[in-house]
Amino acid sequence: MTAFGTTRAELATALTGVSGVTGYAERPAAVKPGDAWPTLALAERGPGLTFAVSWNITVLLAADEATATARTDALLLDLCAALDPVAYVDTVTPVAVATTAGDLLGLQITTRSE
């Protein structure tokens, strides 16, 4: 496994540590509220073969805004605390994620790791 693959797996494990969240190393084929996965956003090369890496982590919350808002309030601090040992959380942004059953509301958490 590459260093990127290792970090992706560590992020998935950290996400699974949050109650009500299931972390995956890649987006599952069929998604549902509570699913979360990282995608590589940027790999910026440093000295030698080192990289500063930004990850976008998608966490699906709900189909309706009221539930998504309540889930954000309940999960945000726990998500940041769980991810902190693996990657630094820069920003958290609400998103709508297209699925075959319609959009699901969620969070996009942008992190940095080395």
PDB file of N, CA and C in Angstrom:
ATOM      1  N   MET A   1       0.856  -1.180   0.000  1.00  0.00           N
ATOM      2  CA  MET A   1       0.000   0.000   0.000  1.00  0.00           C
ATOM      3  C   MET A   1       0.898   1.237   0.000  1.00  0.00           C
ATOM      4  N   THR A   2       0.523   2.244  -0.791  1.00  0.00           N
ATOM      5  CA  THR A   2       1.284   3.486  -0.837  1.00  0.00           C
ATOM      6  C   THR A   2       1.018   4.316   0.410  1.00  0.00           C
ATOM      7  N   ALA A   3       1.824   5.345   0.600  1.00  0.00           N
ATOM      8  CA  ALA A   3       1.600   6.246   1.735  1.00  0.00           C
ATOM      9  C   ALA A   3       0.225   6.894   1.637  1.00  0.00           C
ATOM     10  N   PHE A   4      -0.200   7.242   0.401  1.00  0.00           N
ATOM     11  CA  PHE A   4      -1.529   7.819   0.232  1.00  0.00           C
ATOM     12  C   PHE A   4      -2.607   6.816   0.625  1.00  0.00           C
ATOM     13  N   GLY A   5      -2.438   5.572   0.211  1.00  0.00           N
ATOM     14  CA  GLY A   5      -3.394   4.528   0.556  1.00  0.00           C
ATOM     15  C   GLY A   5      -3.453   4.283   2.056  1.00  0.00           C
ATOM     16  N   THR A   6      -2.291   4.346   2.703  1.00  0.00           N
ATOM     17  CA  THR A   6      -2.241   4.173   4.155  1.00  0.00           C
ATOM     18  C   THR A   6      -2.996   5.294   4.853  1.00  0.00           C
ATOM     19  N   THR A   7      -2.763   6.529   4.431  1.00  0.00           N
ATOM     20  CA  THR A   7      -3.462   7.660   5.042  1.00  0.00           C
ATOM     21  C   THR A   7      -4.957   7.571   4.791  1.00  0.00           C
ATOM     22  N   ARG A   8      -5.343   7.183   3.575  1.00  0.00           N
ATOM     23  CA  ARG A   8      -6.763   7.025   3.249  1.00  0.00           C
ATOM     24  C   ARG A   8      -7.409   5.999   4.194  1.00  0.00           C
ATOM     25  N   ALA A   9      -6.730   4.885   4.430  1.00  0.00           N
ATOM     26  CA  ALA A   9      -7.246   3.855   5.337  1.00  0.00           C
ATOM     27  C   ALA A   9      -7.315   4.372   6.775  1.00  0.00           C
ATOM     28  N   GLU A  10      -6.305   5.147   7.194  1.00  0.00           N
ATOM     29  CA  GLU A  10      -6.315   5.711   8.548  1.00  0.00           C
ATOM     30  C   GLU A  10      -7.466   6.706   8.719  1.00  0.00           C
ATOM     31  N   LEU A  11      -7.733   7.502   7.689  1.00  0.00           N
ATOM     32  CA  LEU A  11      -8.855   8.437   7.751  1.00  0.00           C
ATOM     33  C   LEU A  11     -10.176   7.677   7.874  1.00  0.00           C
ATOM     34  N   ALA A  12     -10.333   6.610   7.097  1.00  0.00           N
ATOM     35  CA  ALA A  12     -11.555   5.797   7.159  1.00  0.00           C
ATOM     36  C   ALA A  12     -11.735   5.205   8.550  1.00  0.00           C
ATOM     37  N   THR A  13     -10.673   4.699   9.130  1.00  0.00           N
ATOM     38  CA  THR A  13     -10.740   4.131  10.480  1.00  0.00           C
ATOM     39  C   THR A  13     -11.115   5.199  11.498  1.00  0.00           C
ATOM     40  N   ALA A  14     -10.517   6.394  11.374  1.00  0.00           N
ATOM     41  CA  ALA A  14     -10.834   7.488  12.302  1.00  0.00           C
ATOM     42  C   ALA A  14     -12.306   7.879  12.188  1.00  0.00           C
ATOM     43  N   LEU A  15     -12.833   7.934  10.979  1.00  0.00           N
ATOM     44  CA  LEU A  15     -14.236   8.293  10.777  1.00  0.00           C
ATOM     45  C   LEU A  15     -15.168   7.260  11.402  1.00  0.00           C
ATOM     46  N   THR A  16     -14.821   5.983  11.286  1.00  0.00           N
ATOM     47  CA  THR A  16     -15.632   4.915  11.854  1.00  0.00           C
ATOM     48  C   THR A  16     -15.688   5.004  13.380  1.00  0.00           C
ATOM     49  N   GLY A  17     -14.705   5.664  13.983  1.00  0.00           N
ATOM     50  CA  GLY A  17     -14.693   5.837  15.428  1.00  0.00           C
ATOM     51  C   GLY A  17     -15.726   6.822  15.940  1.00  0.00           C
ATOM     52  N   VAL A  18     -16.393   7.527  15.039  1.00  0.00           N
ATOM     53  CA  VAL A  18     -17.433   8.483  15.438  1.00  0.00           C
ATOM     54  C   VAL A  18     -18.786   7.770  15.395  1.00  0.00           C
ATOM     55  N   SER A  19     -19.537   7.858  16.478  1.00  0.00           N
ATOM     56  CA  SER A  19     -20.835   7.193  16.572  1.00  0.00           C
ATOM     57  C   SER A  19     -21.758   7.643  15.437  1.00  0.00           C
ATOM     58  N   GLY A  20     -22.328   6.670  14.729  1.00  0.00           N
ATOM     59  CA  GLY A  20     -23.246   6.969  13.640  1.00  0.00           C
ATOM     60  C   GLY A  20     -22.583   7.193  12.299  1.00  0.00           C
ATOM     61  N   VAL A  21     -21.252   7.040  12.236  1.00  0.00           N
ATOM     62  CA  VAL A  21     -20.511   7.250  10.995  1.00  0.00           C
ATOM     63  C   VAL A  21     -19.777   5.968  10.631  1.00  0.00           C
ATOM     64  N   THR A  22     -19.811   5.611   9.352  1.00  0.00           N
ATOM     65  CA  THR A  22     -19.037   4.484   8.838  1.00  0.00           C
ATOM     66  C   THR A  22     -18.057   5.021   7.816  1.00  0.00           C
ATOM     67  N   GLY A  23     -16.770   4.881   8.119  1.00  0.00           N
ATOM     68  CA  GLY A  23     -15.741   5.369   7.221  1.00  0.00           C
ATOM     69  C   GLY A  23     -15.353   4.323   6.198  1.00  0.00           C
ATOM     70  N   TYR A  24     -15.094   4.774   4.983  1.00  0.00           N
ATOM     71  CA  TYR A  24     -14.633   3.930   3.892  1.00  0.00           C
ATOM     72  C   TYR A  24     -13.389   4.569   3.285  1.00  0.00           C
ATOM     73  N   ALA A  25     -12.496   3.755   2.763  1.00  0.00           N
ATOM     74  CA  ALA A  25     -11.302   4.284   2.111  1.00  0.00           C
ATOM     75  C   ALA A  25     -11.646   4.923   0.765  1.00  0.00           C
ATOM     76  N   GLU A  26     -12.736   4.490   0.156  1.00  0.00           N
ATOM     77  CA  GLU A  26     -13.224   5.043  -1.111  1.00  0.00           C
ATOM     78  C   GLU A  26     -14.739   5.133  -1.044  1.00  0.00           C
ATOM     79  N   ARG A  27     -15.312   5.960  -1.898  1.00  0.00           N
ATOM     80  CA  ARG A  27     -16.777   6.099  -1.919  1.00  0.00           C
ATOM     81  C   ARG A  27     -17.417   4.754  -2.245  1.00  0.00           C
ATOM     82  N   PRO A  28     -18.350   4.299  -1.404  1.00  0.00           N
ATOM     83  CA  PRO A  28     -19.055   3.050  -1.705  1.00  0.00           C
ATOM     84  C   PRO A  28     -19.949   3.213  -2.933  1.00  0.00           C
ATOM     85  N   ALA A  29     -20.258   2.110  -3.589  1.00  0.00           N
ATOM     86  CA  ALA A  29     -21.118   2.150  -4.779  1.00  0.00           C
ATOM     87  C   ALA A  29     -22.510   2.668  -4.434  1.00  0.00           C
ATOM     88  N   ALA A  30     -23.059   2.217  -3.331  1.00  0.00           N
ATOM     89  CA  ALA A  30     -24.361   2.687  -2.846  1.00  0.00           C
ATOM     90  C   ALA A  30     -24.121   3.391  -1.517  1.00  0.00           C
ATOM     91  N   VAL A  31     -24.483   4.671  -1.450  1.00  0.00           N
ATOM     92  CA  VAL A  31     -24.210   5.455  -0.245  1.00  0.00           C
ATOM     93  C   VAL A  31     -25.505   5.742   0.511  1.00  0.00           C
ATOM     94  N   LYS A  32     -25.322   6.033   1.813  1.00  0.00           N
ATOM     95  CA  LYS A  32     -26.465   6.346   2.669  1.00  0.00           C
ATOM     96  C   LYS A  32     -25.991   7.292   3.762  1.00  0.00           C
ATOM     97  N   PRO A  33     -26.926   7.961   4.453  1.00  0.00           N
ATOM     98  CA  PRO A  33     -26.513   8.829   5.553  1.00  0.00           C
ATOM     99  C   PRO A  33     -25.656   8.066   6.567  1.00  0.00           C
ATOM    100  N   GLY A  34     -24.601   8.721   7.006  1.00  0.00           N
ATOM    101  CA  GLY A  34     -23.653   8.114   7.932  1.00  0.00           C
ATOM    102  C   GLY A  34     -22.390   7.624   7.238  1.00  0.00           C
ATOM    103  N   ASP A  35     -22.428   7.466   5.920  1.00  0.00           N
ATOM    104  CA  ASP A  35     -21.238   7.048   5.183  1.00  0.00           C
ATOM    105  C   ASP A  35     -20.275   8.223   5.041  1.00  0.00           C
ATOM    106  N   ALA A  36     -18.986   7.914   5.061  1.00  0.00           N
ATOM    107  CA  ALA A  36     -17.957   8.947   4.937  1.00  0.00           C
ATOM    108  C   ALA A  36     -16.738   8.361   4.240  1.00  0.00           C
ATOM    109  N   TRP A  37     -16.072   9.171   3.429  1.00  0.00           N
ATOM    110  CA  TRP A  37     -14.889   8.697   2.711  1.00  0.00           C
ATOM    111  C   TRP A  37     -13.996   9.883   2.322  1.00  0.00           C
ATOM    112  N   PRO A  38     -12.691   9.648   2.239  1.00  0.00           N
ATOM    113  CA  PRO A  38     -11.764  10.693   1.796  1.00  0.00           C
ATOM    114  C   PRO A  38     -11.474  10.594   0.298  1.00  0.00           C
ATOM    115  N   THR A  39     -11.198  11.737  -0.309  1.00  0.00           N
ATOM    116  CA  THR A  39     -10.668  11.783  -1.671  1.00  0.00           C
ATOM    117  C   THR A  39      -9.481  12.736  -1.664  1.00  0.00           C
ATOM    118  N   LEU A  40      -8.502  12.406  -2.447  1.00  0.00           N
ATOM    119  CA  LEU A  40      -7.307  13.243  -2.555  1.00  0.00           C
ATOM    120  C   LEU A  40      -7.683  14.559  -3.214  1.00  0.00           C
ATOM    121  N   ALA A  41      -7.374  15.683  -2.564  1.00  0.00           N
ATOM    122  CA  ALA A  41      -7.671  17.000  -3.119  1.00  0.00           C
ATOM    123  C   ALA A  41      -6.434  17.624  -3.751  1.00  0.00           C
ATOM    124  N   LEU A  42      -5.263  17.451  -3.114  1.00  0.00           N
ATOM    125  CA  LEU A  42      -4.035  18.067  -3.594  1.00  0.00           C
ATOM    126  C   LEU A  42      -2.847  17.367  -2.962  1.00  0.00           C
ATOM    127  N   ALA A  43      -1.849  17.068  -3.763  1.00  0.00           N
ATOM    128  CA  ALA A  43      -0.568  16.554  -3.259  1.00  0.00           C
ATOM    129  C   ALA A  43       0.507  17.527  -3.724  1.00  0.00           C
ATOM    130  N   GLU A  44       1.024  18.304  -2.783  1.00  0.00           N
ATOM    131  CA  GLU A  44       2.024  19.318  -3.106  1.00  0.00           C
ATOM    132  C   GLU A  44       3.400  18.804  -2.704  1.00  0.00           C
ATOM    133  N   ARG A  45       4.273  18.682  -3.692  1.00  0.00           N
ATOM    134  CA  ARG A  45       5.585  18.090  -3.439  1.00  0.00           C
ATOM    135  C   ARG A  45       6.480  19.030  -2.652  1.00  0.00           C
ATOM    136  N   GLY A  46       7.136  18.443  -1.650  1.00  0.00           N
ATOM    137  CA  GLY A  46       8.106  19.155  -0.850  1.00  0.00           C
ATOM    138  C   GLY A  46       9.495  18.632  -1.162  1.00  0.00           C
ATOM    139  N   PRO A  47      10.415  18.752  -0.209  1.00  0.00           N
ATOM    140  CA  PRO A  47      11.777  18.271  -0.439  1.00  0.00           C
ATOM    141  C   PRO A  47      11.812  16.756  -0.663  1.00  0.00           C
ATOM    142  N   GLY A  48      12.685  16.325  -1.574  1.00  0.00           N
ATOM    143  CA  GLY A  48      12.815  14.888  -1.823  1.00  0.00           C
ATOM    144  C   GLY A  48      11.523  14.319  -2.363  1.00  0.00           C
ATOM    145  N   LEU A  49      11.089  13.236  -1.766  1.00  0.00           N
ATOM    146  CA  LEU A  49       9.840  12.599  -2.196  1.00  0.00           C
ATOM    147  C   LEU A  49       8.731  12.776  -1.163  1.00  0.00           C
ATOM    148  N   THR A  50       8.763  13.882  -0.432  1.00  0.00           N
ATOM    149  CA  THR A  50       7.721  14.151   0.549  1.00  0.00           C
ATOM    150  C   THR A  50       6.604  14.982  -0.096  1.00  0.00           C
ATOM    151  N   PHE A  51       5.411  14.830   0.423  1.00  0.00           N
ATOM    152  CA  PHE A  51       4.262  15.565  -0.078  1.00  0.00           C
ATOM    153  C   PHE A  51       3.454  16.107   1.094  1.00  0.00           C
ATOM    154  N   ALA A  52       2.976  17.335   0.948  1.00  0.00           N
ATOM    155  CA  ALA A  52       1.936  17.859   1.829  1.00  0.00           C
ATOM    156  C   ALA A  52       0.629  17.566   1.111  1.00  0.00           C
ATOM    157  N   VAL A  53      -0.265  16.850   1.771  1.00  0.00           N
ATOM    158  CA  VAL A  53      -1.467  16.340   1.106  1.00  0.00           C
ATOM    159  C   VAL A  53      -2.713  16.952   1.719  1.00  0.00           C
ATOM    160  N   SER A  54      -3.615  17.401   0.851  1.00  0.00           N
ATOM    161  CA  SER A  54      -4.935  17.853   1.285  1.00  0.00           C
ATOM    162  C   SER A  54      -5.955  16.797   0.883  1.00  0.00           C
ATOM    163  N   TRP A  55      -6.851  16.495   1.811  1.00  0.00           N
ATOM    164  CA  TRP A  55      -7.913  15.514   1.578  1.00  0.00           C
ATOM    165  C   TRP A  55      -9.257  16.200   1.721  1.00  0.00           C
ATOM    166  N   ASN A  56     -10.208  15.858   0.855  1.00  0.00           N
ATOM    167  CA  ASN A  56     -11.604  16.242   1.032  1.00  0.00           C
ATOM    168  C   ASN A  56     -12.331  15.007   1.554  1.00  0.00           C
ATOM    169  N   ILE A  57     -12.915  15.150   2.707  1.00  0.00           N
ATOM    170  CA  ILE A  57     -13.636  14.039   3.327  1.00  0.00           C
ATOM    171  C   ILE A  57     -15.127  14.364   3.271  1.00  0.00           C
ATOM    172  N   THR A  58     -15.877  13.491   2.642  1.00  0.00           N
ATOM    173  CA  THR A  58     -17.330  13.667   2.538  1.00  0.00           C
ATOM    174  C   THR A  58     -17.998  12.834   3.622  1.00  0.00           C
ATOM    175  N   VAL A  59     -18.891  13.479   4.379  1.00  0.00           N
ATOM    176  CA  VAL A  59     -19.688  12.797   5.396  1.00  0.00           C
ATOM    177  C   VAL A  59     -21.154  13.051   5.048  1.00  0.00           C
ATOM    178  N   LEU A  60     -21.894  12.003   4.733  1.00  0.00           N
ATOM    179  CA  LEU A  60     -23.307  12.152   4.393  1.00  0.00           C
ATOM    180  C   LEU A  60     -24.149  12.217   5.662  1.00  0.00           C
ATOM    181  N   LEU A  61     -25.100  13.155   5.674  1.00  0.00           N
ATOM    182  CA  LEU A  61     -25.883  13.391   6.880  1.00  0.00           C
ATOM    183  C   LEU A  61     -27.345  12.980   6.745  1.00  0.00           C
ATOM    184  N   ALA A  62     -28.042  13.507   5.731  1.00  0.00           N
ATOM    185  CA  ALA A  62     -29.485  13.262   5.605  1.00  0.00           C
ATOM    186  C   ALA A  62     -29.988  13.797   4.276  1.00  0.00           C
ATOM    187  N   ALA A  63     -31.221  13.444   3.945  1.00  0.00           N
ATOM    188  CA  ALA A  63     -31.844  13.969   2.729  1.00  0.00           C
ATOM    189  C   ALA A  63     -32.514  15.319   2.986  1.00  0.00           C
ATOM    190  N   ASP A  64     -32.923  15.581   4.224  1.00  0.00           N
ATOM    191  CA  ASP A  64     -33.611  16.839   4.523  1.00  0.00           C
ATOM    192  C   ASP A  64     -32.727  17.761   5.352  1.00  0.00           C
ATOM    193  N   GLU A  65     -32.954  19.049   5.168  1.00  0.00           N
ATOM    194  CA  GLU A  65     -32.102  20.066   5.778  1.00  0.00           C
ATOM    195  C   GLU A  65     -32.172  20.078   7.307  1.00  0.00           C
ATOM    196  N   ALA A  66     -33.340  19.903   7.866  1.00  0.00           N
ATOM    197  CA  ALA A  66     -33.477  19.943   9.331  1.00  0.00           C
ATOM    198  C   ALA A  66     -32.667  18.828   9.981  1.00  0.00           C
ATOM    199  N   THR A  67     -32.763  17.615   9.438  1.00  0.00           N
ATOM    200  CA  THR A  67     -32.000  16.497   9.988  1.00  0.00           C
ATOM    201  C   THR A  67     -30.505  16.702   9.765  1.00  0.00           C
ATOM    202  N   ALA A  68     -30.134  17.197   8.592  1.00  0.00           N
ATOM    203  CA  ALA A  68     -28.724  17.445   8.303  1.00  0.00           C
ATOM    204  C   ALA A  68     -28.138  18.486   9.261  1.00  0.00           C
ATOM    205  N   THR A  69     -28.916  19.511   9.565  1.00  0.00           N
ATOM    206  CA  THR A  69     -28.463  20.541  10.505  1.00  0.00           C
ATOM    207  C   THR A  69     -28.269  19.950  11.903  1.00  0.00           C
ATOM    208  N   ALA A  70     -29.233  19.162  12.348  1.00  0.00           N
ATOM    209  CA  ALA A  70     -29.133  18.533  13.665  1.00  0.00           C
ATOM    210  C   ALA A  70     -27.937  17.576  13.723  1.00  0.00           C
ATOM    211  N   ARG A  71     -27.718  16.807  12.645  1.00  0.00           N
ATOM    212  CA  ARG A  71     -26.579  15.872  12.600  1.00  0.00           C
ATOM    213  C   ARG A  71     -25.255  16.634  12.587  1.00  0.00           C
ATOM    214  N   THR A  72     -25.211  17.773  11.896  1.00  0.00           N
ATOM    215  CA  THR A  72     -24.001  18.599  11.901  1.00  0.00           C
ATOM    216  C   THR A  72     -23.681  19.037  13.321  1.00  0.00           C
ATOM    217  N   ASP A  73     -24.690  19.558  14.003  1.00  0.00           N
ATOM    218  CA  ASP A  73     -24.492  20.009  15.386  1.00  0.00           C
ATOM    219  C   ASP A  73     -23.996  18.874  16.280  1.00  0.00           C
ATOM    220  N   ALA A  74     -24.524  17.682  16.073  1.00  0.00           N
ATOM    221  CA  ALA A  74     -24.178  16.540  16.922  1.00  0.00           C
ATOM    222  C   ALA A  74     -22.798  15.958  16.590  1.00  0.00           C
ATOM    223  N   LEU A  75     -22.383  16.036  15.323  1.00  0.00           N
ATOM    224  CA  LEU A  75     -21.183  15.309  14.894  1.00  0.00           C
ATOM    225  C   LEU A  75     -19.929  16.153  14.686  1.00  0.00           C
ATOM    226  N   LEU A  76     -20.081  17.439  14.453  1.00  0.00           N
ATOM    227  CA  LEU A  76     -18.947  18.238  13.990  1.00  0.00           C
ATOM    228  C   LEU A  76     -17.719  18.147  14.899  1.00  0.00           C
ATOM    229  N   LEU A  77     -17.883  18.374  16.170  1.00  0.00           N
ATOM    230  CA  LEU A  77     -16.725  18.340  17.072  1.00  0.00           C
ATOM    231  C   LEU A  77     -16.126  16.944  17.174  1.00  0.00           C
ATOM    232  N   ASP A  78     -16.978  15.918  17.195  1.00  0.00           N
ATOM    233  CA  ASP A  78     -16.481  14.546  17.266  1.00  0.00           C
ATOM    234  C   ASP A  78     -15.710  14.165  15.998  1.00  0.00           C
ATOM    235  N   LEU A  79     -16.204  14.599  14.844  1.00  0.00           N
ATOM    236  CA  LEU A  79     -15.491  14.323  13.589  1.00  0.00           C
ATOM    237  C   LEU A  79     -14.112  14.969  13.592  1.00  0.00           C
ATOM    238  N   CYS A  80     -14.052  16.237  13.994  1.00  0.00           N
ATOM    239  CA  CYS A  80     -12.763  16.937  14.025  1.00  0.00           C
ATOM    240  C   CYS A  80     -11.800  16.276  15.016  1.00  0.00           C
ATOM    241  N   ALA A  81     -12.294  15.901  16.173  1.00  0.00           N
ATOM    242  CA  ALA A  81     -11.446  15.248  17.177  1.00  0.00           C
ATOM    243  C   ALA A  81     -10.944  13.893  16.680  1.00  0.00           C
ATOM    244  N   ALA A  82     -11.794  13.145  15.999  1.00  0.00           N
ATOM    245  CA  ALA A  82     -11.399  11.830  15.490  1.00  0.00           C
ATOM    246  C   ALA A  82     -10.361  11.942  14.380  1.00  0.00           C
ATOM    247  N   LEU A  83     -10.490  12.946  13.537  1.00  0.00           N
ATOM    248  CA  LEU A  83      -9.559  13.120  12.412  1.00  0.00           C
ATOM    249  C   LEU A  83      -8.232  13.731  12.834  1.00  0.00           C
ATOM    250  N   ASP A  84      -8.230  14.490  13.905  1.00  0.00           N
ATOM    251  CA  ASP A  84      -7.046  15.254  14.315  1.00  0.00           C
ATOM    252  C   ASP A  84      -5.754  14.441  14.428  1.00  0.00           C
ATOM    253  N   PRO A  85      -5.776  13.214  14.951  1.00  0.00           N
ATOM    254  CA  PRO A  85      -4.515  12.461  15.018  1.00  0.00           C
ATOM    255  C   PRO A  85      -3.963  12.063  13.634  1.00  0.00           C
ATOM    256  N   VAL A  86      -4.829  12.070  12.610  1.00  0.00           N
ATOM    257  CA  VAL A  86      -4.422  11.640  11.267  1.00  0.00           C
ATOM    258  C   VAL A  86      -4.126  12.831  10.363  1.00  0.00           C
ATOM    259  N   ALA A  87      -4.967  13.865  10.436  1.00  0.00           N
ATOM    260  CA  ALA A  87      -4.833  15.022   9.557  1.00  0.00           C
ATOM    261  C   ALA A  87      -5.449  16.249  10.230  1.00  0.00           C
ATOM    262  N   TYR A  88      -4.871  17.416   9.939  1.00  0.00           N
ATOM    263  CA  TYR A  88      -5.355  18.675  10.504  1.00  0.00           C
ATOM    264  C   TYR A  88      -6.592  19.136   9.742  1.00  0.00           C
ATOM    265  N   VAL A  89      -7.678  19.436  10.443  1.00  0.00           N
ATOM    266  CA  VAL A  89      -8.905  19.911   9.810  1.00  0.00           C
ATOM    267  C   VAL A  89      -8.769  21.410   9.533  1.00  0.00           C
ATOM    268  N   ASP A  90      -8.860  21.761   8.245  1.00  0.00           N
ATOM    269  CA  ASP A  90      -8.803  23.171   7.837  1.00  0.00           C
ATOM    270  C   ASP A  90     -10.174  23.810   7.797  1.00  0.00           C
ATOM    271  N   THR A  91     -11.108  23.175   7.062  1.00  0.00           N
ATOM    272  CA  THR A  91     -12.439  23.754   6.880  1.00  0.00           C
ATOM    273  C   THR A  91     -13.495  22.662   6.856  1.00  0.00           C
ATOM    274  N   VAL A  92     -14.728  23.070   7.162  1.00  0.00           N
ATOM    275  CA  VAL A  92     -15.897  22.185   7.049  1.00  0.00           C
ATOM    276  C   VAL A  92     -16.965  22.973   6.302  1.00  0.00           C
ATOM    277  N   THR A  93     -17.452  22.388   5.202  1.00  0.00           N
ATOM    278  CA  THR A  93     -18.406  23.074   4.329  1.00  0.00           C
ATOM    279  C   THR A  93     -19.615  22.180   4.074  1.00  0.00           C
ATOM    280  N   PRO A  94     -20.830  22.721   4.178  1.00  0.00           N
ATOM    281  CA  PRO A  94     -22.010  21.933   3.796  1.00  0.00           C
ATOM    282  C   PRO A  94     -21.990  21.656   2.285  1.00  0.00           C
ATOM    283  N   VAL A  95     -22.420  20.459   1.907  1.00  0.00           N
ATOM    284  CA  VAL A  95     -22.472  20.072   0.495  1.00  0.00           C
ATOM    285  C   VAL A  95     -23.731  19.259   0.231  1.00  0.00           C
ATOM    286  N   ALA A  96     -24.098  19.207  -1.049  1.00  0.00           N
ATOM    287  CA  ALA A  96     -25.131  18.289  -1.528  1.00  0.00           C
ATOM    288  C   ALA A  96     -24.423  17.280  -2.415  1.00  0.00           C
ATOM    289  N   VAL A  97     -24.621  16.004  -2.134  1.00  0.00           N
ATOM    290  CA  VAL A  97     -23.954  14.934  -2.870  1.00  0.00           C
ATOM    291  C   VAL A  97     -24.989  14.193  -3.708  1.00  0.00           C
ATOM    292  N   ALA A  98     -24.745  14.116  -5.007  1.00  0.00           N
ATOM    293  CA  ALA A  98     -25.664  13.431  -5.908  1.00  0.00           C
ATOM    294  C   ALA A  98     -25.581  11.925  -5.701  1.00  0.00           C
ATOM    295  N   THR A  99     -26.738  11.296  -5.589  1.00  0.00           N
ATOM    296  CA  THR A  99     -26.828   9.841  -5.510  1.00  0.00           C
ATOM    297  C   THR A  99     -27.910   9.386  -6.490  1.00  0.00           C
ATOM    298  N   THR A 100     -27.985   8.104  -6.741  1.00  0.00           N
ATOM    299  CA  THR A 100     -29.011   7.591  -7.651  1.00  0.00           C
ATOM    300  C   THR A 100     -30.414   7.808  -7.110  1.00  0.00           C
ATOM    301  N   ALA A 101     -30.551   7.958  -5.785  1.00  0.00           N
ATOM    302  CA  ALA A 101     -31.857   8.172  -5.163  1.00  0.00           C
ATOM    303  C   ALA A 101     -32.141   9.656  -4.919  1.00  0.00           C
ATOM    304  N   GLY A 102     -31.282  10.537  -5.408  1.00  0.00           N
ATOM    305  CA  GLY A 102     -31.445  11.976  -5.174  1.00  0.00           C
ATOM    306  C   GLY A 102     -30.328  12.493  -4.292  1.00  0.00           C
ATOM    307  N   ASP A 103     -30.259  13.807  -4.154  1.00  0.00           N
ATOM    308  CA  ASP A 103     -29.195  14.426  -3.374  1.00  0.00           C
ATOM    309  C   ASP A 103     -29.304  14.091  -1.893  1.00  0.00           C
ATOM    310  N   LEU A 104     -28.150  13.896  -1.277  1.00  0.00           N
ATOM    311  CA  LEU A 104     -28.044  13.801   0.178  1.00  0.00           C
ATOM    312  C   LEU A 104     -27.198  14.977   0.650  1.00  0.00           C
ATOM    313  N   LEU A 105     -27.604  15.567   1.763  1.00  0.00           N
ATOM    314  CA  LEU A 105     -26.842  16.665   2.333  1.00  0.00           C
ATOM    315  C   LEU A 105     -25.728  16.102   3.208  1.00  0.00           C
ATOM    316  N   GLY A 106     -24.638  16.800   3.226  1.00  0.00           N
ATOM    317  CA  GLY A 106     -23.502  16.316   4.003  1.00  0.00           C
ATOM    318  C   GLY A 106     -22.521  17.419   4.302  1.00  0.00           C
ATOM    319  N   LEU A 107     -21.357  17.006   4.729  1.00  0.00           N
ATOM    320  CA  LEU A 107     -20.256  17.916   5.024  1.00  0.00           C
ATOM    321  C   LEU A 107     -19.050  17.509   4.181  1.00  0.00           C
ATOM    322  N   GLN A 108     -18.318  18.519   3.726  1.00  0.00           N
ATOM    323  CA  GLN A 108     -17.016  18.275   3.132  1.00  0.00           C
ATOM    324  C   GLN A 108     -15.995  18.847   4.101  1.00  0.00           C
ATOM    325  N   ILE A 109     -15.166  17.964   4.632  1.00  0.00           N
ATOM    326  CA  ILE A 109     -14.140  18.360   5.583  1.00  0.00           C
ATOM    327  C   ILE A 109     -12.806  18.358   4.836  1.00  0.00           C
ATOM    328  N   THR A 110     -12.162  19.518   4.780  1.00  0.00           N
ATOM    329  CA  THR A 110     -10.870  19.622   4.106  1.00  0.00           C
ATOM    330  C   THR A 110      -9.772  19.544   5.164  1.00  0.00           C
ATOM    331  N   THR A 111      -8.853  18.607   4.952  1.00  0.00           N
ATOM    332  CA  THR A 111      -7.775  18.364   5.914  1.00  0.00           C
ATOM    333  C   THR A 111      -6.425  18.423   5.225  1.00  0.00           C
ATOM    334  N   ARG A 112      -5.374  18.469   6.045  1.00  0.00           N
ATOM    335  CA  ARG A 112      -3.981  18.398   5.561  1.00  0.00           C
ATOM    336  C   ARG A 112      -3.244  17.315   6.327  1.00  0.00           C
ATOM    337  N   SER A 113      -2.385  16.602   5.604  1.00  0.00           N
ATOM    338  CA  SER A 113      -1.506  15.621   6.242  1.00  0.00           C
ATOM    339  C   SER A 113      -0.188  15.601   5.489  1.00  0.00           C
ATOM    340  N   GLU A 114       0.812  14.958   6.088  1.00  0.00           N
ATOM    341  CA  GLU A 114       2.113  14.831   5.427  1.00  0.00           C
ATOM    342  C   GLU A 114       2.470  13.376   5.270  1.00  0.00           C
TER     343      GLU A 114
END
